[in-house]
Amino acid sequence: MCLKLLFDQNLSYRLVSRLKDSYPNSTHVETVGLDKSSDIDVWKYAKENGYTLVSKDSDFNDICTLYNFPPHIIWLRLGNSRVSRVEEALLKYKVEISSIVEKNITGIIEINY
């Protein structure tokens, strides 16, 4: 299974290139013209295009609770952190993330790292 991620506005666009080997076909909301869109529009785009949404924003937790999943949400609970720390967390938990998404276990994958 090729897991593709959609990075929210609150994450660096540089994650796309830094994680391209582990998460090919991932993109950033700015790249697809959603950088000024509402959270619900970003969520809908992720759902319609088969992305797993990555964000530090708790609003996506609420949207997932209300509308269910997919898309799956990776909720990064890292506080203010460098791009390298976000990259490290997504690489460290890649197997677990992939398994949860593939098995459709839960809609929200919370990472505290």
N, C-alpha and C. Protein backbone atom coordinates (compact mmCIF):
# COMPACT_ATOMS: atom_id res chain seq x y z
N MET A 1 0.83 -1.18 0.00
CA MET A 1 0.00 0.00 0.00
C MET A 1 0.88 1.25 0.00
N CYS A 2 0.59 2.15 -0.89
CA CYS A 2 1.34 3.40 -0.98
C CYS A 2 0.54 4.49 -0.27
N LEU A 3 1.00 4.86 0.89
CA LEU A 3 0.32 5.87 1.69
C LEU A 3 0.74 7.25 1.20
N LYS A 4 -0.24 8.05 0.79
CA LYS A 4 0.08 9.41 0.37
C LYS A 4 -0.52 10.40 1.35
N LEU A 5 0.30 11.37 1.71
CA LEU A 5 -0.07 12.32 2.74
C LEU A 5 -0.40 13.68 2.14
N LEU A 6 -1.33 14.37 2.77
CA LEU A 6 -1.64 15.75 2.45
C LEU A 6 -1.28 16.57 3.68
N PHE A 7 -0.25 17.41 3.54
CA PHE A 7 0.22 18.22 4.66
C PHE A 7 -0.58 19.50 4.76
N ASP A 8 -1.07 19.78 5.95
CA ASP A 8 -1.86 20.96 6.22
C ASP A 8 -0.98 22.22 6.20
N GLN A 9 -1.63 23.35 6.14
CA GLN A 9 -0.95 24.65 6.08
C GLN A 9 0.00 24.88 7.25
N ASN A 10 -0.29 24.29 8.40
CA ASN A 10 0.54 24.52 9.58
C ASN A 10 1.82 23.69 9.59
N LEU A 11 2.05 22.96 8.51
CA LEU A 11 3.28 22.18 8.35
C LEU A 11 4.04 22.67 7.12
N SER A 12 5.33 22.48 7.14
CA SER A 12 6.17 22.97 6.06
C SER A 12 5.96 22.20 4.75
N TYR A 13 5.95 22.92 3.66
CA TYR A 13 5.88 22.31 2.32
C TYR A 13 7.13 21.46 2.05
N ARG A 14 8.22 21.74 2.78
CA ARG A 14 9.47 20.99 2.58
C ARG A 14 9.34 19.52 2.97
N LEU A 15 8.33 19.19 3.75
CA LEU A 15 8.12 17.79 4.14
C LEU A 15 7.85 16.90 2.93
N VAL A 16 7.23 17.45 1.92
CA VAL A 16 6.91 16.66 0.71
C VAL A 16 8.19 16.10 0.11
N SER A 17 9.19 16.95 -0.12
CA SER A 17 10.43 16.48 -0.72
C SER A 17 11.27 15.66 0.26
N ARG A 18 11.22 16.02 1.52
CA ARG A 18 12.02 15.29 2.51
C ARG A 18 11.51 13.87 2.75
N LEU A 19 10.22 13.66 2.53
CA LEU A 19 9.62 12.34 2.79
C LEU A 19 9.22 11.60 1.52
N LYS A 20 9.68 12.08 0.36
CA LYS A 20 9.23 11.50 -0.91
C LYS A 20 9.56 10.02 -1.07
N ASP A 21 10.64 9.55 -0.47
CA ASP A 21 10.98 8.12 -0.60
C ASP A 21 10.07 7.24 0.25
N SER A 22 9.67 7.73 1.40
CA SER A 22 8.83 6.95 2.31
C SER A 22 7.34 7.15 2.07
N TYR A 23 6.97 8.34 1.61
CA TYR A 23 5.57 8.68 1.36
C TYR A 23 5.44 9.31 -0.03
N PRO A 24 5.65 8.51 -1.07
CA PRO A 24 5.56 9.07 -2.43
C PRO A 24 4.14 9.54 -2.74
N ASN A 25 4.04 10.47 -3.67
CA ASN A 25 2.76 11.03 -4.10
C ASN A 25 2.07 11.87 -3.03
N SER A 26 2.82 12.29 -2.03
CA SER A 26 2.29 13.18 -1.01
C SER A 26 2.37 14.60 -1.54
N THR A 27 1.60 15.50 -0.93
CA THR A 27 1.59 16.88 -1.36
C THR A 27 1.24 17.79 -0.19
N HIS A 28 1.29 19.06 -0.45
CA HIS A 28 0.99 20.09 0.55
C HIS A 28 -0.24 20.86 0.09
N VAL A 29 -1.04 21.35 1.02
CA VAL A 29 -2.27 22.07 0.64
C VAL A 29 -1.98 23.26 -0.28
N GLU A 30 -0.85 23.90 -0.10
CA GLU A 30 -0.49 25.04 -0.94
C GLU A 30 -0.29 24.61 -2.39
N THR A 31 0.30 23.46 -2.59
CA THR A 31 0.57 22.95 -3.94
C THR A 31 -0.72 22.70 -4.71
N VAL A 32 -1.77 22.28 -4.02
CA VAL A 32 -3.04 21.98 -4.68
C VAL A 32 -4.05 23.12 -4.55
N GLY A 33 -3.56 24.30 -4.14
CA GLY A 33 -4.41 25.48 -4.10
C GLY A 33 -5.39 25.56 -2.96
N LEU A 34 -5.10 24.86 -1.86
CA LEU A 34 -6.01 24.85 -0.72
C LEU A 34 -5.47 25.60 0.49
N ASP A 35 -4.42 26.37 0.30
CA ASP A 35 -3.78 27.04 1.44
C ASP A 35 -4.66 28.08 2.10
N LYS A 36 -5.66 28.58 1.42
CA LYS A 36 -6.58 29.56 2.00
C LYS A 36 -7.98 28.97 2.21
N SER A 37 -8.09 27.68 2.03
CA SER A 37 -9.39 27.00 2.14
C SER A 37 -9.74 26.66 3.58
N SER A 38 -11.02 26.41 3.79
CA SER A 38 -11.48 26.01 5.12
C SER A 38 -11.01 24.59 5.43
N ASP A 39 -11.00 24.27 6.71
CA ASP A 39 -10.61 22.91 7.12
C ASP A 39 -11.51 21.86 6.49
N ILE A 40 -12.80 22.14 6.40
CA ILE A 40 -13.72 21.15 5.82
C ILE A 40 -13.42 20.94 4.34
N ASP A 41 -13.03 21.99 3.62
CA ASP A 41 -12.67 21.83 2.21
C ASP A 41 -11.38 21.01 2.05
N VAL A 42 -10.44 21.22 2.93
CA VAL A 42 -9.20 20.43 2.92
C VAL A 42 -9.53 18.97 3.22
N TRP A 43 -10.38 18.74 4.21
CA TRP A 43 -10.80 17.39 4.58
C TRP A 43 -11.48 16.70 3.40
N LYS A 44 -12.38 17.42 2.71
CA LYS A 44 -13.09 16.86 1.56
C LYS A 44 -12.12 16.51 0.44
N TYR A 45 -11.15 17.39 0.19
CA TYR A 45 -10.16 17.12 -0.85
C TYR A 45 -9.37 15.85 -0.52
N ALA A 46 -8.95 15.73 0.73
CA ALA A 46 -8.22 14.52 1.15
C ALA A 46 -9.07 13.28 0.93
N LYS A 47 -10.32 13.35 1.29
CA LYS A 47 -11.23 12.21 1.13
C LYS A 47 -11.41 11.85 -0.34
N GLU A 48 -11.69 12.83 -1.17
CA GLU A 48 -11.96 12.60 -2.59
C GLU A 48 -10.73 12.12 -3.36
N ASN A 49 -9.53 12.41 -2.84
CA ASN A 49 -8.31 12.08 -3.57
C ASN A 49 -7.43 11.04 -2.89
N GLY A 50 -7.96 10.39 -1.88
CA GLY A 50 -7.27 9.27 -1.24
C GLY A 50 -6.05 9.62 -0.41
N TYR A 51 -6.06 10.81 0.18
CA TYR A 51 -4.95 11.23 1.03
C TYR A 51 -5.23 10.94 2.50
N THR A 52 -4.16 10.78 3.25
CA THR A 52 -4.21 10.81 4.69
C THR A 52 -3.76 12.21 5.07
N LEU A 53 -4.55 12.90 5.84
CA LEU A 53 -4.31 14.29 6.17
C LEU A 53 -3.41 14.40 7.40
N VAL A 54 -2.35 15.21 7.29
CA VAL A 54 -1.41 15.40 8.40
C VAL A 54 -1.51 16.84 8.87
N SER A 55 -1.75 17.02 10.17
CA SER A 55 -1.94 18.36 10.70
C SER A 55 -1.56 18.43 12.17
N LYS A 56 -1.31 19.65 12.62
CA LYS A 56 -1.16 19.91 14.05
C LYS A 56 -2.46 20.48 14.61
N ASP A 57 -3.44 20.64 13.76
CA ASP A 57 -4.70 21.32 14.07
C ASP A 57 -5.71 20.34 14.67
N SER A 58 -6.21 20.65 15.85
CA SER A 58 -7.20 19.78 16.50
C SER A 58 -8.56 19.82 15.80
N ASP A 59 -8.78 20.82 14.96
CA ASP A 59 -10.07 20.92 14.26
C ASP A 59 -10.36 19.69 13.39
N PHE A 60 -9.32 19.09 12.83
CA PHE A 60 -9.53 17.91 12.00
C PHE A 60 -9.99 16.72 12.84
N ASN A 61 -9.60 16.68 14.10
CA ASN A 61 -10.09 15.67 15.02
C ASN A 61 -11.61 15.80 15.15
N ASP A 62 -12.07 17.04 15.29
CA ASP A 62 -13.51 17.30 15.41
C ASP A 62 -14.25 16.93 14.13
N ILE A 63 -13.67 17.28 12.99
CA ILE A 63 -14.30 16.96 11.70
C ILE A 63 -14.39 15.45 11.51
N CYS A 64 -13.34 14.75 11.85
CA CYS A 64 -13.33 13.29 11.72
C CYS A 64 -14.36 12.65 12.64
N THR A 65 -14.49 13.19 13.84
CA THR A 65 -15.48 12.69 14.79
C THR A 65 -16.89 12.90 14.25
N LEU A 66 -17.12 14.05 13.63
CA LEU A 66 -18.44 14.40 13.11
C LEU A 66 -18.79 13.65 11.82
N TYR A 67 -17.84 13.56 10.90
CA TYR A 67 -18.12 12.99 9.58
C TYR A 67 -17.52 11.60 9.35
N ASN A 68 -16.80 11.10 10.34
CA ASN A 68 -16.16 9.79 10.26
C ASN A 68 -14.96 9.81 9.32
N PHE A 69 -14.52 8.67 8.87
CA PHE A 69 -13.35 8.56 8.02
C PHE A 69 -13.58 7.49 6.98
N PRO A 70 -12.87 7.47 5.88
CA PRO A 70 -11.72 8.31 5.55
C PRO A 70 -12.13 9.74 5.24
N PRO A 71 -11.18 10.64 5.18
CA PRO A 71 -9.74 10.38 5.25
C PRO A 71 -9.29 10.17 6.69
N HIS A 72 -8.20 9.46 6.81
CA HIS A 72 -7.57 9.31 8.11
C HIS A 72 -6.81 10.60 8.41
N ILE A 73 -6.72 10.91 9.68
CA ILE A 73 -6.05 12.11 10.13
C ILE A 73 -4.85 11.72 10.99
N ILE A 74 -3.68 12.23 10.65
CA ILE A 74 -2.52 12.10 11.52
C ILE A 74 -2.42 13.42 12.26
N TRP A 75 -2.72 13.37 13.54
CA TRP A 75 -2.72 14.56 14.37
C TRP A 75 -1.40 14.61 15.12
N LEU A 76 -0.53 15.51 14.69
CA LEU A 76 0.79 15.65 15.29
C LEU A 76 0.70 16.54 16.52
N ARG A 77 0.99 15.97 17.65
CA ARG A 77 0.97 16.69 18.93
C ARG A 77 2.42 17.00 19.33
N LEU A 78 3.10 17.78 18.49
CA LEU A 78 4.52 18.02 18.68
C LEU A 78 4.83 19.44 19.16
N GLY A 79 3.82 20.29 19.25
CA GLY A 79 4.08 21.68 19.60
C GLY A 79 4.87 22.35 18.49
N ASN A 80 5.48 23.47 18.80
CA ASN A 80 6.33 24.13 17.81
C ASN A 80 7.60 23.31 17.66
N SER A 81 7.82 22.83 16.46
CA SER A 81 8.98 21.97 16.25
C SER A 81 9.55 22.17 14.86
N ARG A 82 10.78 21.81 14.72
CA ARG A 82 11.48 21.91 13.43
C ARG A 82 10.93 20.90 12.45
N VAL A 83 11.15 21.18 11.18
CA VAL A 83 10.74 20.27 10.12
C VAL A 83 11.37 18.90 10.34
N SER A 84 12.60 18.88 10.78
CA SER A 84 13.30 17.61 10.99
C SER A 84 12.62 16.74 12.05
N ARG A 85 12.03 17.37 13.05
CA ARG A 85 11.34 16.60 14.11
C ARG A 85 10.05 15.99 13.57
N VAL A 86 9.31 16.74 12.76
CA VAL A 86 8.10 16.22 12.13
C VAL A 86 8.47 15.07 11.21
N GLU A 87 9.50 15.27 10.41
CA GLU A 87 9.98 14.23 9.51
C GLU A 87 10.35 12.96 10.29
N GLU A 88 11.10 13.14 11.35
CA GLU A 88 11.52 12.01 12.18
C GLU A 88 10.33 11.25 12.75
N ALA A 89 9.33 11.97 13.22
CA ALA A 89 8.14 11.32 13.80
C ALA A 89 7.38 10.52 12.75
N LEU A 90 7.21 11.09 11.56
CA LEU A 90 6.48 10.38 10.50
C LEU A 90 7.25 9.17 10.00
N LEU A 91 8.56 9.23 10.01
CA LEU A 91 9.36 8.06 9.63
C LEU A 91 9.34 6.99 10.72
N LYS A 92 9.45 7.42 11.96
CA LYS A 92 9.47 6.48 13.08
C LYS A 92 8.17 5.66 13.16
N TYR A 93 7.04 6.30 12.88
CA TYR A 93 5.75 5.63 13.02
C TYR A 93 5.13 5.20 11.69
N LYS A 94 5.93 5.14 10.64
CA LYS A 94 5.42 4.80 9.31
C LYS A 94 4.72 3.44 9.28
N VAL A 95 5.30 2.44 9.87
CA VAL A 95 4.71 1.10 9.85
C VAL A 95 3.37 1.10 10.58
N GLU A 96 3.32 1.72 11.74
CA GLU A 96 2.08 1.79 12.50
C GLU A 96 1.01 2.59 11.76
N ILE A 97 1.40 3.73 11.20
CA ILE A 97 0.47 4.56 10.44
C ILE A 97 -0.10 3.77 9.27
N SER A 98 0.77 3.14 8.50
CA SER A 98 0.34 2.37 7.34
C SER A 98 -0.61 1.25 7.72
N SER A 99 -0.32 0.57 8.82
CA SER A 99 -1.16 -0.53 9.28
C SER A 99 -2.55 -0.03 9.68
N ILE A 100 -2.60 1.07 10.41
CA ILE A 100 -3.89 1.62 10.85
C ILE A 100 -4.73 2.03 9.66
N VAL A 101 -4.11 2.71 8.69
CA VAL A 101 -4.84 3.16 7.51
C VAL A 101 -5.29 1.97 6.67
N GLU A 102 -4.40 1.02 6.45
CA GLU A 102 -4.72 -0.15 5.62
C GLU A 102 -5.85 -0.98 6.23
N LYS A 103 -5.81 -1.16 7.54
CA LYS A 103 -6.82 -1.96 8.22
C LYS A 103 -8.06 -1.15 8.59
N ASN A 104 -7.99 0.16 8.35
CA ASN A 104 -9.12 1.05 8.60
C ASN A 104 -9.57 0.97 10.06
N ILE A 105 -8.60 0.95 10.97
CA ILE A 105 -8.86 0.74 12.39
C ILE A 105 -9.51 1.95 13.04
N THR A 106 -8.96 3.12 12.80
CA THR A 106 -9.46 4.34 13.42
C THR A 106 -9.21 5.50 12.47
N GLY A 107 -9.94 6.58 12.66
CA GLY A 107 -9.79 7.72 11.77
C GLY A 107 -8.70 8.68 12.20
N ILE A 108 -8.38 8.69 13.49
CA ILE A 108 -7.41 9.65 14.00
C ILE A 108 -6.20 8.92 14.57
N ILE A 109 -5.06 9.25 14.03
CA ILE A 109 -3.79 8.69 14.50
C ILE A 109 -3.05 9.82 15.20
N GLU A 110 -3.00 9.75 16.50
CA GLU A 110 -2.38 10.82 17.28
C GLU A 110 -0.93 10.47 17.57
N ILE A 111 -0.04 11.38 17.21
CA ILE A 111 1.38 11.16 17.46
C ILE A 111 1.90 12.20 18.43
N ASN A 112 2.33 11.72 19.57
CA ASN A 112 3.02 12.55 20.57
C ASN A 112 4.47 12.09 20.55
N TYR A 113 5.34 12.94 20.09
CA TYR A 113 6.73 12.51 19.92
C TYR A 113 7.65 13.57 20.44
